[in-house]
PDB file of all heavy atoms in Angstrom:
ATOM      1  N   SER A   1      -4.556   1.415  -8.037  1.00  0.00           N
ATOM      2  CA  SER A   1      -4.455   1.539  -9.489  1.00  0.00           C
ATOM      3  C   SER A   1      -3.029   1.146  -9.825  1.00  0.00           C
ATOM      4  O   SER A   1      -2.135   1.282  -8.992  1.00  0.00           O
ATOM      5  CB  SER A   1      -4.696   2.970  -9.948  1.00  0.00           C
ATOM      6  OG  SER A   1      -5.969   3.418  -9.556  1.00  0.00           O
ATOM      7  N   TYR A   2      -2.816   0.665 -11.025  1.00  0.00           N
ATOM      8  CA  TYR A   2      -1.468   0.283 -11.429  1.00  0.00           C
ATOM      9  C   TYR A   2      -1.167   0.914 -12.778  1.00  0.00           C
ATOM     10  O   TYR A   2      -1.877   0.682 -13.760  1.00  0.00           O
ATOM     11  CB  TYR A   2      -1.350  -1.248 -11.524  1.00  0.00           C
ATOM     12  CG  TYR A   2       0.034  -1.724 -11.878  1.00  0.00           C
ATOM     13  CD1 TYR A   2       1.022  -1.799 -10.912  1.00  0.00           C
ATOM     14  CD2 TYR A   2       0.351  -2.073 -13.180  1.00  0.00           C
ATOM     15  CE1 TYR A   2       2.300  -2.235 -11.235  1.00  0.00           C
ATOM     16  CE2 TYR A   2       1.628  -2.514 -13.507  1.00  0.00           C
ATOM     17  CZ  TYR A   2       2.599  -2.584 -12.527  1.00  0.00           C
ATOM     18  OH  TYR A   2       3.861  -3.005 -12.852  1.00  0.00           O
ATOM     19  N   HIS A   3      -0.162   1.747 -12.786  1.00  0.00           N
ATOM     20  CA  HIS A   3       0.332   2.322 -14.040  1.00  0.00           C
ATOM     21  C   HIS A   3       1.741   2.839 -13.803  1.00  0.00           C
ATOM     22  O   HIS A   3       2.178   3.019 -12.670  1.00  0.00           O
ATOM     23  CB  HIS A   3      -0.593   3.425 -14.579  1.00  0.00           C
ATOM     24  CG  HIS A   3      -0.839   4.561 -13.639  1.00  0.00           C
ATOM     25  ND1 HIS A   3      -0.014   5.655 -13.551  1.00  0.00           N
ATOM     26  CD2 HIS A   3      -1.822   4.765 -12.739  1.00  0.00           C
ATOM     27  CE1 HIS A   3      -0.484   6.493 -12.655  1.00  0.00           C
ATOM     28  NE2 HIS A   3      -1.580   5.978 -12.138  1.00  0.00           N
ATOM     29  N   ASP A   4       2.463   3.012 -14.892  1.00  0.00           N
ATOM     30  CA  ASP A   4       3.853   3.484 -14.832  1.00  0.00           C
ATOM     31  C   ASP A   4       4.716   2.578 -13.960  1.00  0.00           C
ATOM     32  O   ASP A   4       5.659   3.032 -13.317  1.00  0.00           O
ATOM     33  CB  ASP A   4       3.913   4.934 -14.346  1.00  0.00           C
ATOM     34  CG  ASP A   4       3.113   5.882 -15.221  1.00  0.00           C
ATOM     35  OD1 ASP A   4       3.096   5.680 -16.459  1.00  0.00           O
ATOM     36  OD2 ASP A   4       2.477   6.814 -14.684  1.00  0.00           O
ATOM     37  N   GLY A   5       4.360   1.279 -13.903  1.00  0.00           N
ATOM     38  CA  GLY A   5       5.149   0.317 -13.145  1.00  0.00           C
ATOM     39  C   GLY A   5       4.989   0.395 -11.641  1.00  0.00           C
ATOM     40  O   GLY A   5       5.756  -0.229 -10.907  1.00  0.00           O
ATOM     41  N   CYS A   6       3.998   1.155 -11.161  1.00  0.00           N
ATOM     42  CA  CYS A   6       3.805   1.343  -9.717  1.00  0.00           C
ATOM     43  C   CYS A   6       2.349   1.142  -9.320  1.00  0.00           C
ATOM     44  O   CYS A   6       1.446   1.250 -10.142  1.00  0.00           O
ATOM     45  CB  CYS A   6       4.228   2.753  -9.303  1.00  0.00           C
ATOM     46  SG  CYS A   6       5.974   3.094  -9.514  1.00  0.00           S
ATOM     47  N   PHE A   7       2.161   0.873  -8.039  1.00  0.00           N
ATOM     48  CA  PHE A   7       0.834   0.797  -7.438  1.00  0.00           C
ATOM     49  C   PHE A   7       0.533   2.147  -6.802  1.00  0.00           C
ATOM     50  O   PHE A   7       1.366   2.694  -6.080  1.00  0.00           O
ATOM     51  CB  PHE A   7       0.794  -0.290  -6.354  1.00  0.00           C
ATOM     52  CG  PHE A   7       0.931  -1.675  -6.898  1.00  0.00           C
ATOM     53  CD1 PHE A   7       2.180  -2.223  -7.130  1.00  0.00           C
ATOM     54  CD2 PHE A   7      -0.192  -2.441  -7.174  1.00  0.00           C
ATOM     55  CE1 PHE A   7       2.316  -3.505  -7.631  1.00  0.00           C
ATOM     56  CE2 PHE A   7      -0.074  -3.724  -7.677  1.00  0.00           C
ATOM     57  CZ  PHE A   7       1.176  -4.259  -7.905  1.00  0.00           C
ATOM     58  N   TRP A   8      -0.671   2.657  -7.051  1.00  0.00           N
ATOM     59  CA  TRP A   8      -1.081   3.981  -6.561  1.00  0.00           C
ATOM     60  C   TRP A   8      -2.326   3.816  -5.711  1.00  0.00           C
ATOM     61  O   TRP A   8      -3.285   3.166  -6.142  1.00  0.00           O
ATOM     62  CB  TRP A   8      -1.369   4.894  -7.736  1.00  0.00           C
ATOM     63  CG  TRP A   8      -0.203   5.088  -8.655  1.00  0.00           C
ATOM     64  CD1 TRP A   8       0.226   4.220  -9.625  1.00  0.00           C
ATOM     65  CD2 TRP A   8       0.687   6.188  -8.697  1.00  0.00           C
ATOM     66  NE1 TRP A   8       1.324   4.726 -10.263  1.00  0.00           N
ATOM     67  CE2 TRP A   8       1.633   5.945  -9.711  1.00  0.00           C
ATOM     68  CE3 TRP A   8       0.776   7.380  -7.982  1.00  0.00           C
ATOM     69  CZ2 TRP A   8       2.648   6.828 -10.024  1.00  0.00           C
ATOM     70  CZ3 TRP A   8       1.791   8.265  -8.289  1.00  0.00           C
ATOM     71  CH2 TRP A   8       2.716   7.989  -9.299  1.00  0.00           C
ATOM     72  N   MET A   9      -2.323   4.410  -4.508  1.00  0.00           N
ATOM     73  CA  MET A   9      -3.438   4.260  -3.584  1.00  0.00           C
ATOM     74  C   MET A   9      -3.773   5.591  -2.930  1.00  0.00           C
ATOM     75  O   MET A   9      -2.919   6.181  -2.269  1.00  0.00           O
ATOM     76  CB  MET A   9      -3.079   3.256  -2.490  1.00  0.00           C
ATOM     77  CG  MET A   9      -2.853   1.855  -2.985  1.00  0.00           C
ATOM     78  SD  MET A   9      -1.846   0.889  -1.848  1.00  0.00           S
ATOM     79  CE  MET A   9      -0.397   0.633  -2.853  1.00  0.00           C
ATOM     80  N   PHE A  10      -4.989   6.043  -3.124  1.00  0.00           N
ATOM     81  CA  PHE A  10      -5.484   7.196  -2.379  1.00  0.00           C
ATOM     82  C   PHE A  10      -5.975   6.691  -1.027  1.00  0.00           C
ATOM     83  O   PHE A  10      -6.591   5.628  -0.938  1.00  0.00           O
ATOM     84  CB  PHE A  10      -6.643   7.874  -3.112  1.00  0.00           C
ATOM     85  CG  PHE A  10      -6.220   8.914  -4.109  1.00  0.00           C
ATOM     86  CD1 PHE A  10      -6.573   8.789  -5.437  1.00  0.00           C
ATOM     87  CD2 PHE A  10      -5.484  10.027  -3.721  1.00  0.00           C
ATOM     88  CE1 PHE A  10      -6.201   9.750  -6.373  1.00  0.00           C
ATOM     89  CE2 PHE A  10      -5.105  10.990  -4.641  1.00  0.00           C
ATOM     90  CZ  PHE A  10      -5.464  10.855  -5.964  1.00  0.00           C
ATOM     91  N   SER A  11      -5.717   7.454   0.029  1.00  0.00           N
ATOM     92  CA  SER A  11      -6.148   7.072   1.372  1.00  0.00           C
ATOM     93  C   SER A  11      -6.454   8.315   2.193  1.00  0.00           C
ATOM     94  O   SER A  11      -5.697   9.289   2.161  1.00  0.00           O
ATOM     95  CB  SER A  11      -5.047   6.265   2.069  1.00  0.00           C
ATOM     96  OG  SER A  11      -5.384   6.023   3.425  1.00  0.00           O
ATOM     97  N   GLU A  12      -7.552   8.234   2.947  1.00  0.00           N
ATOM     98  CA  GLU A  12      -7.895   9.338   3.843  1.00  0.00           C
ATOM     99  C   GLU A  12      -6.901   9.434   4.990  1.00  0.00           C
ATOM    100  O   GLU A  12      -6.669  10.510   5.535  1.00  0.00           O
ATOM    101  CB  GLU A  12      -9.303   9.134   4.444  1.00  0.00           C
ATOM    102  CG  GLU A  12     -10.405   9.083   3.435  1.00  0.00           C
ATOM    103  CD  GLU A  12     -10.670   7.675   2.889  1.00  0.00           C
ATOM    104  OE1 GLU A  12      -9.875   6.736   3.153  1.00  0.00           O
ATOM    105  OE2 GLU A  12     -11.656   7.524   2.170  1.00  0.00           O
ATOM    106  N   GLY A  13      -6.342   8.306   5.386  1.00  0.00           N
ATOM    107  CA  GLY A  13      -5.435   8.241   6.529  1.00  0.00           C
ATOM    108  C   GLY A  13      -5.552   6.873   7.165  1.00  0.00           C
ATOM    109  O   GLY A  13      -5.968   5.920   6.521  1.00  0.00           O
ATOM    110  N   GLY A  14      -5.201   6.773   8.434  1.00  0.00           N
ATOM    111  CA  GLY A  14      -5.307   5.517   9.159  1.00  0.00           C
ATOM    112  C   GLY A  14      -3.974   5.082   9.741  1.00  0.00           C
ATOM    113  O   GLY A  14      -2.939   5.720   9.532  1.00  0.00           O
ATOM    114  N   ARG A  15      -4.027   3.983  10.453  1.00  0.00           N
ATOM    115  CA  ARG A  15      -2.854   3.533  11.196  1.00  0.00           C
ATOM    116  C   ARG A  15      -1.707   3.069  10.305  1.00  0.00           C
ATOM    117  O   ARG A  15      -0.562   3.000  10.740  1.00  0.00           O
ATOM    118  CB  ARG A  15      -3.247   2.412  12.166  1.00  0.00           C
ATOM    119  CG  ARG A  15      -4.331   2.876  13.112  1.00  0.00           C
ATOM    120  CD  ARG A  15      -4.151   2.820  14.588  1.00  0.00           C
ATOM    121  NE  ARG A  15      -2.881   2.593  15.151  1.00  0.00           N
ATOM    122  CZ  ARG A  15      -2.605   1.577  15.975  1.00  0.00           C
ATOM    123  NH1 ARG A  15      -3.528   0.681  16.267  1.00  0.00           N
ATOM    124  NH2 ARG A  15      -1.412   1.453  16.501  1.00  0.00           N
ATOM    125  N   LYS A  16      -1.984   2.776   9.037  1.00  0.00           N
ATOM    126  CA  LYS A  16      -0.900   2.389   8.128  1.00  0.00           C
ATOM    127  C   LYS A  16       0.172   3.483   8.075  1.00  0.00           C
ATOM    128  O   LYS A  16       1.340   3.209   7.864  1.00  0.00           O
ATOM    129  CB  LYS A  16      -1.427   2.055   6.739  1.00  0.00           C
ATOM    130  CG  LYS A  16      -2.037   3.208   5.991  1.00  0.00           C
ATOM    131  CD  LYS A  16      -2.679   2.725   4.698  1.00  0.00           C
ATOM    132  CE  LYS A  16      -3.886   3.507   4.322  1.00  0.00           C
ATOM    133  NZ  LYS A  16      -5.008   3.433   5.218  1.00  0.00           N
ATOM    134  N   PHE A  17      -0.244   4.730   8.295  1.00  0.00           N
ATOM    135  CA  PHE A  17       0.707   5.844   8.244  1.00  0.00           C
ATOM    136  C   PHE A  17       1.636   5.856   9.452  1.00  0.00           C
ATOM    137  O   PHE A  17       2.710   6.440   9.394  1.00  0.00           O
ATOM    138  CB  PHE A  17      -0.040   7.171   8.093  1.00  0.00           C
ATOM    139  CG  PHE A  17      -0.631   7.331   6.719  1.00  0.00           C
ATOM    140  CD1 PHE A  17      -1.926   6.939   6.449  1.00  0.00           C
ATOM    141  CD2 PHE A  17       0.138   7.843   5.686  1.00  0.00           C
ATOM    142  CE1 PHE A  17      -2.454   7.047   5.178  1.00  0.00           C
ATOM    143  CE2 PHE A  17      -0.384   7.953   4.405  1.00  0.00           C
ATOM    144  CZ  PHE A  17      -1.691   7.558   4.154  1.00  0.00           C
ATOM    145  N   GLU A  18       1.245   5.171  10.531  1.00  0.00           N
ATOM    146  CA  GLU A  18       2.126   5.018  11.686  1.00  0.00           C
ATOM    147  C   GLU A  18       3.385   4.253  11.270  1.00  0.00           C
ATOM    148  O   GLU A  18       4.506   4.643  11.595  1.00  0.00           O
ATOM    149  CB  GLU A  18       1.383   4.251  12.782  1.00  0.00           C
ATOM    150  CG  GLU A  18       1.726   4.672  14.173  1.00  0.00           C
ATOM    151  CD  GLU A  18       0.820   4.003  15.183  1.00  0.00           C
ATOM    152  OE1 GLU A  18      -0.408   4.209  15.149  1.00  0.00           O
ATOM    153  OE2 GLU A  18       1.360   3.248  16.020  1.00  0.00           O
ATOM    154  N   GLY A  19       3.178   3.161  10.536  1.00  0.00           N
ATOM    155  CA  GLY A  19       4.313   2.385  10.042  1.00  0.00           C
ATOM    156  C   GLY A  19       5.080   3.140   8.976  1.00  0.00           C
ATOM    157  O   GLY A  19       6.314   3.180   8.986  1.00  0.00           O
ATOM    158  N   LEU A  20       4.352   3.755   8.034  1.00  0.00           N
ATOM    159  CA  LEU A  20       5.012   4.476   6.933  1.00  0.00           C
ATOM    160  C   LEU A  20       5.865   5.638   7.439  1.00  0.00           C
ATOM    161  O   LEU A  20       6.872   5.968   6.819  1.00  0.00           O
ATOM    162  CB  LEU A  20       3.971   4.983   5.941  1.00  0.00           C
ATOM    163  CG  LEU A  20       3.283   3.917   5.089  1.00  0.00           C
ATOM    164  CD1 LEU A  20       2.121   4.519   4.305  1.00  0.00           C
ATOM    165  CD2 LEU A  20       4.276   3.248   4.157  1.00  0.00           C
ATOM    166  N   SER A  21       5.458   6.249   8.540  1.00  0.00           N
ATOM    167  CA  SER A  21       6.227   7.394   9.044  1.00  0.00           C
ATOM    168  C   SER A  21       7.634   7.001   9.468  1.00  0.00           C
ATOM    169  O   SER A  21       8.529   7.835   9.498  1.00  0.00           O
ATOM    170  CB  SER A  21       5.495   8.055  10.215  1.00  0.00           C
ATOM    171  OG  SER A  21       5.555   7.239  11.372  1.00  0.00           O
ATOM    172  N   GLN A  22       7.838   5.713   9.784  1.00  0.00           N
ATOM    173  CA  GLN A  22       9.142   5.236  10.241  1.00  0.00           C
ATOM    174  C   GLN A  22       9.812   4.258   9.294  1.00  0.00           C
ATOM    175  O   GLN A  22      11.006   3.988   9.426  1.00  0.00           O
ATOM    176  CB  GLN A  22       8.979   4.557  11.602  1.00  0.00           C
ATOM    177  CG  GLN A  22       8.448   5.471  12.674  1.00  0.00           C
ATOM    178  CD  GLN A  22       8.181   4.699  13.939  1.00  0.00           C
ATOM    179  OE1 GLN A  22       9.076   4.058  14.471  1.00  0.00           O
ATOM    180  NE2 GLN A  22       6.949   4.761  14.425  1.00  0.00           N
ATOM    181  N   ASN A  23       9.011   3.686   8.350  1.00  0.00           N
ATOM    182  CA  ASN A  23       9.554   2.632   7.502  1.00  0.00           C
ATOM    183  C   ASN A  23       8.779   2.607   6.191  1.00  0.00           C
ATOM    184  O   ASN A  23       7.606   2.242   6.175  1.00  0.00           O
ATOM    185  CB  ASN A  23       9.425   1.282   8.218  1.00  0.00           C
ATOM    186  CG  ASN A  23       9.972   0.128   7.417  1.00  0.00           C
ATOM    187  OD1 ASN A  23      10.550   0.307   6.344  1.00  0.00           O
ATOM    188  ND2 ASN A  23       9.785  -1.067   7.927  1.00  0.00           N
ATOM    189  N   LEU A  24       9.429   2.979   5.113  1.00  0.00           N
ATOM    190  CA  LEU A  24       8.770   3.019   3.810  1.00  0.00           C
ATOM    191  C   LEU A  24       8.818   1.686   3.069  1.00  0.00           C
ATOM    192  O   LEU A  24       8.299   1.581   1.959  1.00  0.00           O
ATOM    193  CB  LEU A  24       9.360   4.143   2.953  1.00  0.00           C
ATOM    194  CG  LEU A  24       9.087   5.555   3.467  1.00  0.00           C
ATOM    195  CD1 LEU A  24       9.840   6.600   2.636  1.00  0.00           C
ATOM    196  CD2 LEU A  24       7.593   5.864   3.487  1.00  0.00           C
ATOM    197  N   ASN A  25       9.430   0.660   3.678  1.00  0.00           N
ATOM    198  CA  ASN A  25       9.409  -0.678   3.087  1.00  0.00           C
ATOM    199  C   ASN A  25       8.041  -1.295   3.353  1.00  0.00           C
ATOM    200  O   ASN A  25       7.565  -1.296   4.492  1.00  0.00           O
ATOM    201  CB  ASN A  25      10.504  -1.557   3.691  1.00  0.00           C
ATOM    202  CG  ASN A  25      11.869  -1.014   3.351  1.00  0.00           C
ATOM    203  OD1 ASN A  25      12.213  -0.867   2.191  1.00  0.00           O
ATOM    204  ND2 ASN A  25      12.654  -0.706   4.370  1.00  0.00           N
ATOM    205  N   VAL A  26       7.401  -1.784   2.294  1.00  0.00           N
ATOM    206  CA  VAL A  26       6.055  -2.333   2.408  1.00  0.00           C
ATOM    207  C   VAL A  26       5.956  -3.644   1.648  1.00  0.00           C
ATOM    208  O   VAL A  26       6.833  -3.984   0.851  1.00  0.00           O
ATOM    209  CB  VAL A  26       4.988  -1.350   1.869  1.00  0.00           C
ATOM    210  CG1 VAL A  26       4.997  -0.041   2.662  1.00  0.00           C
ATOM    211  CG2 VAL A  26       5.183  -1.071   0.388  1.00  0.00           C
ATOM    212  N   CYS A  27       4.871  -4.344   1.888  1.00  0.00           N
ATOM    213  CA  CYS A  27       4.528  -5.524   1.110  1.00  0.00           C
ATOM    214  C   CYS A  27       3.036  -5.449   0.857  1.00  0.00           C
ATOM    215  O   CYS A  27       2.275  -5.043   1.731  1.00  0.00           O
ATOM    216  CB  CYS A  27       4.884  -6.791   1.880  1.00  0.00           C
ATOM    217  SG  CYS A  27       4.682  -8.296   0.893  1.00  0.00           S
ATOM    218  N   LEU A  28       2.647  -5.790  -0.359  1.00  0.00           N
ATOM    219  CA  LEU A  28       1.223  -5.858  -0.641  1.00  0.00           C
ATOM    220  C   LEU A  28       0.912  -7.205  -1.257  1.00  0.00           C
ATOM    221  O   LEU A  28       1.767  -7.831  -1.881  1.00  0.00           O
ATOM    222  CB  LEU A  28       0.750  -4.699  -1.516  1.00  0.00           C
ATOM    223  CG  LEU A  28       1.292  -4.532  -2.927  1.00  0.00           C
ATOM    224  CD1 LEU A  28       0.465  -5.316  -3.926  1.00  0.00           C
ATOM    225  CD2 LEU A  28       1.240  -3.056  -3.300  1.00  0.00           C
ATOM    226  N   ALA A  29      -0.310  -7.661  -1.031  1.00  0.00           N
ATOM    227  CA  ALA A  29      -0.752  -8.955  -1.548  1.00  0.00           C
ATOM    228  C   ALA A  29      -2.048  -8.781  -2.320  1.00  0.00           C
ATOM    229  O   ALA A  29      -2.935  -8.039  -1.906  1.00  0.00           O
ATOM    230  CB  ALA A  29      -0.947  -9.946  -0.404  1.00  0.00           C
ATOM    231  N   ILE A  30      -2.112  -9.465  -3.456  1.00  0.00           N
ATOM    232  CA  ILE A  30      -3.316  -9.542  -4.276  1.00  0.00           C
ATOM    233  C   ILE A  30      -3.595 -11.032  -4.417  1.00  0.00           C
ATOM    234  O   ILE A  30      -2.671 -11.812  -4.688  1.00  0.00           O
ATOM    235  CB  ILE A  30      -3.088  -8.926  -5.669  1.00  0.00           C
ATOM    236  CG1 ILE A  30      -2.536  -7.509  -5.557  1.00  0.00           C
ATOM    237  CG2 ILE A  30      -4.365  -8.961  -6.491  1.00  0.00           C
ATOM    238  CD1 ILE A  30      -1.971  -6.976  -6.868  1.00  0.00           C
ATOM    239  N   TYR A  31      -4.830 -11.441  -4.256  1.00  0.00           N
ATOM    240  CA  TYR A  31      -5.091 -12.880  -4.312  1.00  0.00           C
ATOM    241  C   TYR A  31      -6.551 -13.160  -4.624  1.00  0.00           C
ATOM    242  O   TYR A  31      -7.427 -12.333  -4.412  1.00  0.00           O
ATOM    243  CB  TYR A  31      -4.708 -13.546  -2.989  1.00  0.00           C
ATOM    244  CG  TYR A  31      -5.273 -12.848  -1.782  1.00  0.00           C
ATOM    245  CD1 TYR A  31      -6.498 -13.215  -1.262  1.00  0.00           C
ATOM    246  CD2 TYR A  31      -4.586 -11.796  -1.186  1.00  0.00           C
ATOM    247  CE1 TYR A  31      -7.026 -12.558  -0.165  1.00  0.00           C
ATOM    248  CE2 TYR A  31      -5.112 -11.130  -0.099  1.00  0.00           C
ATOM    249  CZ  TYR A  31      -6.331 -11.512   0.415  1.00  0.00           C
ATOM    250  OH  TYR A  31      -6.863 -10.855   1.489  1.00  0.00           O
ATOM    251  N   ASP A  32      -6.779 -14.351  -5.155  1.00  0.00           N
ATOM    252  CA  ASP A  32      -8.125 -14.842  -5.420  1.00  0.00           C
ATOM    253  C   ASP A  32      -8.569 -15.702  -4.243  1.00  0.00           C
ATOM    254  O   ASP A  32      -7.737 -16.221  -3.489  1.00  0.00           O
ATOM    255  CB  ASP A  32      -8.149 -15.709  -6.680  1.00  0.00           C
ATOM    256  CG  ASP A  32      -7.879 -14.928  -7.952  1.00  0.00           C
ATOM    257  OD1 ASP A  32      -7.788 -13.695  -7.906  1.00  0.00           O
ATOM    258  OD2 ASP A  32      -7.749 -15.577  -9.010  1.00  0.00           O
ATOM    259  N   LYS A  33      -9.853 -15.902  -4.144  1.00  0.00           N
ATOM    260  CA  LYS A  33     -10.408 -16.797  -3.140  1.00  0.00           C
ATOM    261  C   LYS A  33      -9.818 -18.190  -3.359  1.00  0.00           C
ATOM    262  O   LYS A  33      -9.712 -18.652  -4.493  1.00  0.00           O
ATOM    263  CB  LYS A  33     -11.927 -16.831  -3.294  1.00  0.00           C
ATOM    264  CG  LYS A  33     -12.620 -17.781  -2.378  1.00  0.00           C
ATOM    265  CD  LYS A  33     -14.119 -17.786  -2.648  1.00  0.00           C
ATOM    266  CE  LYS A  33     -14.775 -18.885  -1.848  1.00  0.00           C
ATOM    267  NZ  LYS A  33     -16.192 -19.000  -2.167  1.00  0.00           N
ATOM    268  N   TYR A  34      -9.432 -18.858  -2.278  1.00  0.00           N
ATOM    269  CA  TYR A  34      -8.883 -20.208  -2.385  1.00  0.00           C
ATOM    270  C   TYR A  34      -9.963 -21.163  -2.866  1.00  0.00           C
ATOM    271  O   TYR A  34     -11.055 -21.230  -2.305  1.00  0.00           O
ATOM    272  CB  TYR A  34      -8.320 -20.676  -1.033  1.00  0.00           C
ATOM    273  CG  TYR A  34      -7.787 -22.086  -1.102  1.00  0.00           C
ATOM    274  CD1 TYR A  34      -6.575 -22.344  -1.717  1.00  0.00           C
ATOM    275  CD2 TYR A  34      -8.512 -23.150  -0.590  1.00  0.00           C
ATOM    276  CE1 TYR A  34      -6.082 -23.634  -1.802  1.00  0.00           C
ATOM    277  CE2 TYR A  34      -8.026 -24.447  -0.665  1.00  0.00           C
ATOM    278  CZ  TYR A  34      -6.812 -24.679  -1.278  1.00  0.00           C
ATOM    279  OH  TYR A  34      -6.333 -25.956  -1.365  1.00  0.00           O
TER     280      TYR A  34
END
């Protein structure tokens, strides 16, 4: 979801938290089919 100038994501968990636990710098991509 996008509001207040930020992206908001609910998540049950998963391996993404392995990276987040050590590094809060992220990149996200949004794209249409080529």
